[in-house]
Amino acid sequence: MPRTEEAELRALATFWNIPLDGRQSAALLGYADLLIHWNRRINLTGARSTAAIVSEHYPDAFALAKHVGGPARLVDVGSGGGLPAIPLALLRPELTIRLCEPIAKKVAFLRTAIRDLGISARVSLAVGRAEDLPAEAFEVAVSRATFEPEAWLAVGRRLVQPGGRVLILTVPGSAVASAGTGEVYAHGRRLLVEVQVERERAG
């Protein structure tokens, strides 16, 4: 009998119109299982089951996957246990993703997840903080639960090149909601705001 989590992944893929094959589904569930296994020893997430990872955290990854298609260099600041950037990498294999995390025990998990999932060719890890990253080195920047939304917008603007995008994962009613294009999801509980970083005008 298929796992309940598999059915929920398929439902998310259908809702967001994101391609999802059996290999991707298995990788997403494998990552969630690994995260829960490590979470019993070190605090990586508040979720306590694979089902909770899928229902509570994977909607963010699918929302991002809708907004980030095609080859792009993306940075995820404050990656923690890899949510939502690692699921995003599994959903969008054309992305090149840089994870940024300063905490050693979380770095150890991220290294293990990258290796076990076989995504080291396009997902790399920077041990440090946002200020350690080069300016204008990425086309897309995202962070979740590391900064207040307004603070993240300022940090993200520095990291992306002109014409790039800063993605803000927040809640409806956030002060940054009017800063760019917003999309509400997860039954009205979550909001993704996409802010385009303007190119400098010649002359």
C-alpha atoms as a PDB file:
ATOM      1  CA  MET A   1       0.000   0.000   0.000  1.00  0.00           C
ATOM      2  CA  PRO A   2       1.416   3.449  -0.904  1.00  0.00           C
ATOM      3  CA  ARG A   3       2.455   5.667   1.962  1.00  0.00           C
ATOM      4  CA  THR A   4       0.016   8.411   2.922  1.00  0.00           C
ATOM      5  CA  GLU A   5       2.879  10.877   2.472  1.00  0.00           C
ATOM      6  CA  GLU A   6       3.216   9.837  -1.178  1.00  0.00           C
ATOM      7  CA  ALA A   7      -0.411  10.730  -1.813  1.00  0.00           C
ATOM      8  CA  GLU A   8       0.103  14.105  -0.167  1.00  0.00           C
ATOM      9  CA  LEU A   9       3.165  14.775  -2.327  1.00  0.00           C
ATOM     10  CA  ARG A  10       1.143  13.970  -5.433  1.00  0.00           C
ATOM     11  CA  ALA A  11      -1.614  16.302  -4.259  1.00  0.00           C
ATOM     12  CA  LEU A  12       0.904  19.115  -3.732  1.00  0.00           C
ATOM     13  CA  ALA A  13       2.421  18.498  -7.159  1.00  0.00           C
ATOM     14  CA  THR A  14      -1.013  18.633  -8.770  1.00  0.00           C
ATOM     15  CA  PHE A  15      -2.038  21.778  -6.890  1.00  0.00           C
ATOM     16  CA  TRP A  16       1.134  23.654  -7.830  1.00  0.00           C
ATOM     17  CA  ASN A  17       1.412  22.063 -11.300  1.00  0.00           C
ATOM     18  CA  ILE A  18       4.969  20.888 -10.559  1.00  0.00           C
ATOM     19  CA  PRO A  19       6.282  17.753 -12.334  1.00  0.00           C
ATOM     20  CA  LEU A  20       6.946  14.938  -9.844  1.00  0.00           C
ATOM     21  CA  ASP A  21       8.137  11.484 -10.842  1.00  0.00           C
ATOM     22  CA  GLY A  22       8.635   8.413  -8.703  1.00  0.00           C
ATOM     23  CA  ARG A  23      12.343   9.053  -8.220  1.00  0.00           C
ATOM     24  CA  GLN A  24      11.726  12.580  -6.953  1.00  0.00           C
ATOM     25  CA  SER A  25       8.949  11.405  -4.657  1.00  0.00           C
ATOM     26  CA  ALA A  26      11.218   8.727  -3.166  1.00  0.00           C
ATOM     27  CA  ALA A  27      14.006  11.281  -2.670  1.00  0.00           C
ATOM     28  CA  LEU A  28      11.662  13.745  -0.958  1.00  0.00           C
ATOM     29  CA  LEU A  29      10.422  11.064   1.428  1.00  0.00           C
ATOM     30  CA  GLY A  30      13.961   9.811   1.993  1.00  0.00           C
ATOM     31  CA  TYR A  31      15.127  13.284   2.929  1.00  0.00           C
ATOM     32  CA  ALA A  32      12.193  13.721   5.321  1.00  0.00           C
ATOM     33  CA  ASP A  33      12.937  10.343   6.945  1.00  0.00           C
ATOM     34  CA  LEU A  34      16.615  11.311   7.343  1.00  0.00           C
ATOM     35  CA  LEU A  35      15.668  14.666   8.864  1.00  0.00           C
ATOM     36  CA  ILE A  36      13.386  13.026  11.430  1.00  0.00           C
ATOM     37  CA  HIS A  37      16.058  10.426  12.255  1.00  0.00           C
ATOM     38  CA  TRP A  38      18.650  13.131  12.967  1.00  0.00           C
ATOM     39  CA  ASN A  39      16.088  15.257  14.762  1.00  0.00           C
ATOM     40  CA  ARG A  40      15.915  12.691  17.548  1.00  0.00           C
ATOM     41  CA  ARG A  41      19.505  13.640  18.461  1.00  0.00           C
ATOM     42  CA  ILE A  42      19.796  17.296  17.482  1.00  0.00           C
ATOM     43  CA  ASN A  43      17.147  19.960  17.101  1.00  0.00           C
ATOM     44  CA  LEU A  44      16.611  20.518  13.380  1.00  0.00           C
ATOM     45  CA  THR A  45      12.847  20.966  13.139  1.00  0.00           C
ATOM     46  CA  GLY A  46       9.756  21.145  15.300  1.00  0.00           C
ATOM     47  CA  ALA A  47       8.135  18.416  13.196  1.00  0.00           C
ATOM     48  CA  ARG A  48       8.144  14.987  14.788  1.00  0.00           C
ATOM     49  CA  SER A  49       7.235  12.741  11.854  1.00  0.00           C
ATOM     50  CA  THR A  50       7.796  12.382   8.135  1.00  0.00           C
ATOM     51  CA  ALA A  51       4.097  13.078   7.598  1.00  0.00           C
ATOM     52  CA  ALA A  52       4.456  16.369   9.483  1.00  0.00           C
ATOM     53  CA  ILE A  53       7.446  17.355   7.328  1.00  0.00           C
ATOM     54  CA  VAL A  54       5.405  16.764   4.183  1.00  0.00           C
ATOM     55  CA  SER A  55       2.252  18.534   5.358  1.00  0.00           C
ATOM     56  CA  GLU A  56       3.812  21.417   7.305  1.00  0.00           C
ATOM     57  CA  HIS A  57       7.031  22.176   5.431  1.00  0.00           C
ATOM     58  CA  TYR A  58       6.881  20.865   1.877  1.00  0.00           C
ATOM     59  CA  PRO A  59       4.223  23.393   0.775  1.00  0.00           C
ATOM     60  CA  ASP A  60       6.963  26.050   1.042  1.00  0.00           C
ATOM     61  CA  ALA A  61       9.191  24.067  -1.319  1.00  0.00           C
ATOM     62  CA  PHE A  62       6.401  23.593  -3.857  1.00  0.00           C
ATOM     63  CA  ALA A  63       5.499  27.299  -3.681  1.00  0.00           C
ATOM     64  CA  LEU A  64       9.128  28.203  -4.340  1.00  0.00           C
ATOM     65  CA  ALA A  65       9.340  25.662  -7.167  1.00  0.00           C
ATOM     66  CA  LYS A  66       6.475  27.439  -8.907  1.00  0.00           C
ATOM     67  CA  HIS A  67       8.329  30.748  -8.742  1.00  0.00           C
ATOM     68  CA  VAL A  68      11.825  29.456  -9.556  1.00  0.00           C
ATOM     69  CA  GLY A  69      11.920  27.586 -12.842  1.00  0.00           C
ATOM     70  CA  GLY A  70      14.740  27.182 -15.309  1.00  0.00           C
ATOM     71  CA  PRO A  71      18.485  27.278 -14.620  1.00  0.00           C
ATOM     72  CA  ALA A  72      19.365  29.761 -11.863  1.00  0.00           C
ATOM     73  CA  ARG A  73      21.847  30.245  -9.041  1.00  0.00           C
ATOM     74  CA  LEU A  74      19.947  30.347  -5.750  1.00  0.00           C
ATOM     75  CA  VAL A  75      21.179  30.967  -2.216  1.00  0.00           C
ATOM     76  CA  ASP A  76      19.358  29.835   0.917  1.00  0.00           C
ATOM     77  CA  VAL A  77      20.512  31.695   4.033  1.00  0.00           C
ATOM     78  CA  GLY A  78      20.131  30.087   7.449  1.00  0.00           C
ATOM     79  CA  SER A  79      19.484  26.672   5.924  1.00  0.00           C
ATOM     80  CA  GLY A  80      19.123  24.859   9.266  1.00  0.00           C
ATOM     81  CA  GLY A  81      17.928  21.353   8.492  1.00  0.00           C
ATOM     82  CA  GLY A  82      17.621  22.130   4.783  1.00  0.00           C
ATOM     83  CA  LEU A  83      13.998  23.244   4.637  1.00  0.00           C
ATOM     84  CA  PRO A  84      12.887  24.409   2.138  1.00  0.00           C
ATOM     85  CA  ALA A  85      16.018  24.465  -0.044  1.00  0.00           C
ATOM     86  CA  ILE A  86      16.780  20.729  -0.228  1.00  0.00           C
ATOM     87  CA  PRO A  87      13.216  19.755  -1.217  1.00  0.00           C
ATOM     88  CA  LEU A  88      13.332  22.614  -3.722  1.00  0.00           C
ATOM     89  CA  ALA A  89      16.552  21.164  -5.165  1.00  0.00           C
ATOM     90  CA  LEU A  90      14.820  17.805  -5.571  1.00  0.00           C
ATOM     91  CA  LEU A  91      11.816  19.403  -7.276  1.00  0.00           C
ATOM     92  CA  ARG A  92      13.898  21.649  -9.552  1.00  0.00           C
ATOM     93  CA  PRO A  93      17.005  19.722 -10.678  1.00  0.00           C
ATOM     94  CA  GLU A  94      17.988  22.564 -13.015  1.00  0.00           C
ATOM     95  CA  LEU A  95      18.803  24.851 -10.058  1.00  0.00           C
ATOM     96  CA  THR A  96      22.277  25.393  -8.611  1.00  0.00           C
ATOM     97  CA  ILE A  97      21.793  25.976  -4.884  1.00  0.00           C
ATOM     98  CA  ARG A  98      24.148  27.343  -2.236  1.00  0.00           C
ATOM     99  CA  LEU A  99      23.166  26.557   1.358  1.00  0.00           C
ATOM    100  CA  CYS A 100      24.465  28.900   4.053  1.00  0.00           C
ATOM    101  CA  GLU A 101      24.489  27.755   7.686  1.00  0.00           C
ATOM    102  CA  PRO A 102      26.809  28.692  10.610  1.00  0.00           C
ATOM    103  CA  ILE A 103      25.859  26.067  13.236  1.00  0.00           C
ATOM    104  CA  ALA A 104      28.177  23.026  13.211  1.00  0.00           C
ATOM    105  CA  LYS A 105      25.625  20.319  14.066  1.00  0.00           C
ATOM    106  CA  LYS A 106      23.285  21.547  11.335  1.00  0.00           C
ATOM    107  CA  VAL A 107      26.189  21.724   8.897  1.00  0.00           C
ATOM    108  CA  ALA A 108      26.957  18.063   9.665  1.00  0.00           C
ATOM    109  CA  PHE A 109      23.388  17.090   8.835  1.00  0.00           C
ATOM    110  CA  LEU A 110      23.324  19.139   5.632  1.00  0.00           C
ATOM    111  CA  ARG A 111      26.543  17.515   4.437  1.00  0.00           C
ATOM    112  CA  THR A 112      25.065  14.075   5.103  1.00  0.00           C
ATOM    113  CA  ALA A 113      21.806  14.919   3.315  1.00  0.00           C
ATOM    114  CA  ILE A 114      23.596  16.318   0.257  1.00  0.00           C
ATOM    115  CA  ARG A 115      25.779  13.213   0.045  1.00  0.00           C
ATOM    116  CA  ASP A 116      23.002  10.664   0.645  1.00  0.00           C
ATOM    117  CA  LEU A 117      20.666  12.302  -1.867  1.00  0.00           C
ATOM    118  CA  GLY A 118      23.376  12.436  -4.544  1.00  0.00           C
ATOM    119  CA  ILE A 119      22.950  16.163  -5.222  1.00  0.00           C
ATOM    120  CA  SER A 120      26.473  17.407  -4.475  1.00  0.00           C
ATOM    121  CA  ALA A 121      27.042  18.368  -8.126  1.00  0.00           C
ATOM    122  CA  ARG A 122      24.508  21.203  -7.836  1.00  0.00           C
ATOM    123  CA  VAL A 123      23.962  21.801  -4.107  1.00  0.00           C
ATOM    124  CA  SER A 124      26.896  23.196  -2.125  1.00  0.00           C
ATOM    125  CA  LEU A 125      27.342  24.395   1.434  1.00  0.00           C
ATOM    126  CA  ALA A 126      28.836  27.600   2.811  1.00  0.00           C
ATOM    127  CA  VAL A 127      29.618  27.451   6.522  1.00  0.00           C
ATOM    128  CA  GLY A 128      28.931  30.949   7.812  1.00  0.00           C
ATOM    129  CA  ARG A 129      26.428  33.776   7.861  1.00  0.00           C
ATOM    130  CA  ALA A 130      24.840  35.998   5.255  1.00  0.00           C
ATOM    131  CA  GLU A 131      27.520  38.672   5.635  1.00  0.00           C
ATOM    132  CA  ASP A 132      30.154  36.106   4.639  1.00  0.00           C
ATOM    133  CA  LEU A 133      28.546  35.561   1.236  1.00  0.00           C
ATOM    134  CA  PRO A 134      29.684  37.542  -1.805  1.00  0.00           C
ATOM    135  CA  ALA A 135      27.469  40.384  -2.999  1.00  0.00           C
ATOM    136  CA  GLU A 136      25.503  40.046  -6.219  1.00  0.00           C
ATOM    137  CA  ALA A 137      26.593  36.419  -6.671  1.00  0.00           C
ATOM    138  CA  PHE A 138      23.138  34.885  -7.120  1.00  0.00           C
ATOM    139  CA  GLU A 139      20.038  35.260  -9.228  1.00  0.00           C
ATOM    140  CA  VAL A 140      17.617  34.254  -6.465  1.00  0.00           C
ATOM    141  CA  ALA A 141      17.858  34.535  -2.677  1.00  0.00           C
ATOM    142  CA  VAL A 142      15.591  32.891  -0.115  1.00  0.00           C
ATOM    143  CA  SER A 143      15.572  32.494   3.650  1.00  0.00           C
ATOM    144  CA  ARG A 144      13.030  31.105   6.074  1.00  0.00           C
ATOM    145  CA  ALA A 145      12.665  31.882   9.777  1.00  0.00           C
ATOM    146  CA  THR A 146      16.162  33.376  10.090  1.00  0.00           C
ATOM    147  CA  PHE A 147      15.350  37.083   9.711  1.00  0.00           C
ATOM    148  CA  GLU A 148      12.309  39.275  10.127  1.00  0.00           C
ATOM    149  CA  PRO A 149      10.861  39.768   6.617  1.00  0.00           C
ATOM    150  CA  GLU A 150      11.969  43.409   6.296  1.00  0.00           C
ATOM    151  CA  ALA A 151      15.497  42.565   7.453  1.00  0.00           C
ATOM    152  CA  TRP A 152      15.699  39.633   5.039  1.00  0.00           C
ATOM    153  CA  LEU A 153      14.662  41.847   2.138  1.00  0.00           C
ATOM    154  CA  ALA A 154      17.613  44.141   2.859  1.00  0.00           C
ATOM    155  CA  VAL A 155      20.037  41.217   3.157  1.00  0.00           C
ATOM    156  CA  GLY A 156      18.671  39.475   0.088  1.00  0.00           C
ATOM    157  CA  ARG A 157      18.980  42.596  -2.063  1.00  0.00           C
ATOM    158  CA  ARG A 158      22.734  42.596  -1.406  1.00  0.00           C
ATOM    159  CA  LEU A 159      23.124  38.964  -2.396  1.00  0.00           C
ATOM    160  CA  VAL A 160      21.353  39.002  -5.758  1.00  0.00           C
ATOM    161  CA  GLN A 161      22.583  40.597  -8.934  1.00  0.00           C
ATOM    162  CA  PRO A 162      20.626  43.441 -10.558  1.00  0.00           C
ATOM    163  CA  GLY A 163      17.535  41.956 -12.119  1.00  0.00           C
ATOM    164  CA  GLY A 164      17.562  39.114  -9.594  1.00  0.00           C
ATOM    165  CA  ARG A 165      14.840  38.196  -7.131  1.00  0.00           C
ATOM    166  CA  VAL A 166      14.456  38.027  -3.364  1.00  0.00           C
ATOM    167  CA  LEU A 167      11.847  35.541  -2.144  1.00  0.00           C
ATOM    168  CA  ILE A 168      10.281  36.124   1.263  1.00  0.00           C
ATOM    169  CA  LEU A 169       8.425  33.353   3.100  1.00  0.00           C
ATOM    170  CA  THR A 170       6.129  35.019   5.587  1.00  0.00           C
ATOM    171  CA  VAL A 171       2.476  35.219   6.652  1.00  0.00           C
ATOM    172  CA  PRO A 172      -0.465  37.199   5.264  1.00  0.00           C
ATOM    173  CA  GLY A 173      -0.553  40.729   6.644  1.00  0.00           C
ATOM    174  CA  SER A 174       3.234  41.048   6.727  1.00  0.00           C
ATOM    175  CA  ALA A 175       4.591  44.552   6.255  1.00  0.00           C
ATOM    176  CA  VAL A 176       6.528  43.407   3.173  1.00  0.00           C
ATOM    177  CA  ALA A 177       3.442  42.072   1.422  1.00  0.00           C
ATOM    178  CA  SER A 178       3.208  45.178  -0.736  1.00  0.00           C
ATOM    179  CA  ALA A 179       6.925  45.136  -1.646  1.00  0.00           C
ATOM    180  CA  GLY A 180       6.450  42.730  -4.536  1.00  0.00           C
ATOM    181  CA  THR A 181       4.197  40.044  -5.989  1.00  0.00           C
ATOM    182  CA  GLY A 182       2.561  37.929  -3.287  1.00  0.00           C
ATOM    183  CA  GLU A 183       0.921  34.508  -3.272  1.00  0.00           C
ATOM    184  CA  VAL A 184      -1.065  33.076  -0.354  1.00  0.00           C
ATOM    185  CA  TYR A 185      -1.067  29.306   0.146  1.00  0.00           C
ATOM    186  CA  ALA A 186      -1.338  26.543   2.788  1.00  0.00           C
ATOM    187  CA  HIS A 187      -5.011  27.316   3.407  1.00  0.00           C
ATOM    188  CA  GLY A 188      -4.295  30.997   3.875  1.00  0.00           C
ATOM    189  CA  ARG A 189      -1.586  30.524   6.517  1.00  0.00           C
ATOM    190  CA  ARG A 190       1.491  31.300   4.411  1.00  0.00           C
ATOM    191  CA  LEU A 191       2.570  34.032   2.006  1.00  0.00           C
ATOM    192  CA  LEU A 192       5.366  34.051  -0.537  1.00  0.00           C
ATOM    193  CA  VAL A 193       6.471  37.518  -1.667  1.00  0.00           C
ATOM    194  CA  GLU A 194       8.696  37.888  -4.724  1.00  0.00           C
ATOM    195  CA  VAL A 195      10.680  41.130  -5.000  1.00  0.00           C
ATOM    196  CA  GLN A 196      12.533  42.009  -8.191  1.00  0.00           C
ATOM    197  CA  VAL A 197      15.823  43.833  -7.621  1.00  0.00           C
ATOM    198  CA  GLU A 198      15.957  46.680 -10.114  1.00  0.00           C
ATOM    199  CA  ARG A 199      18.846  47.152 -12.474  1.00  0.00           C
ATOM    200  CA  GLU A 200      20.655  50.446 -12.284  1.00  0.00           C
ATOM    201  CA  ARG A 201      19.449  52.865 -14.918  1.00  0.00           C
ATOM    202  CA  ALA A 202      22.043  54.035 -17.391  1.00  0.00           C
ATOM    203  CA  GLY A 203      22.694  57.751 -17.379  1.00  0.00           C
END
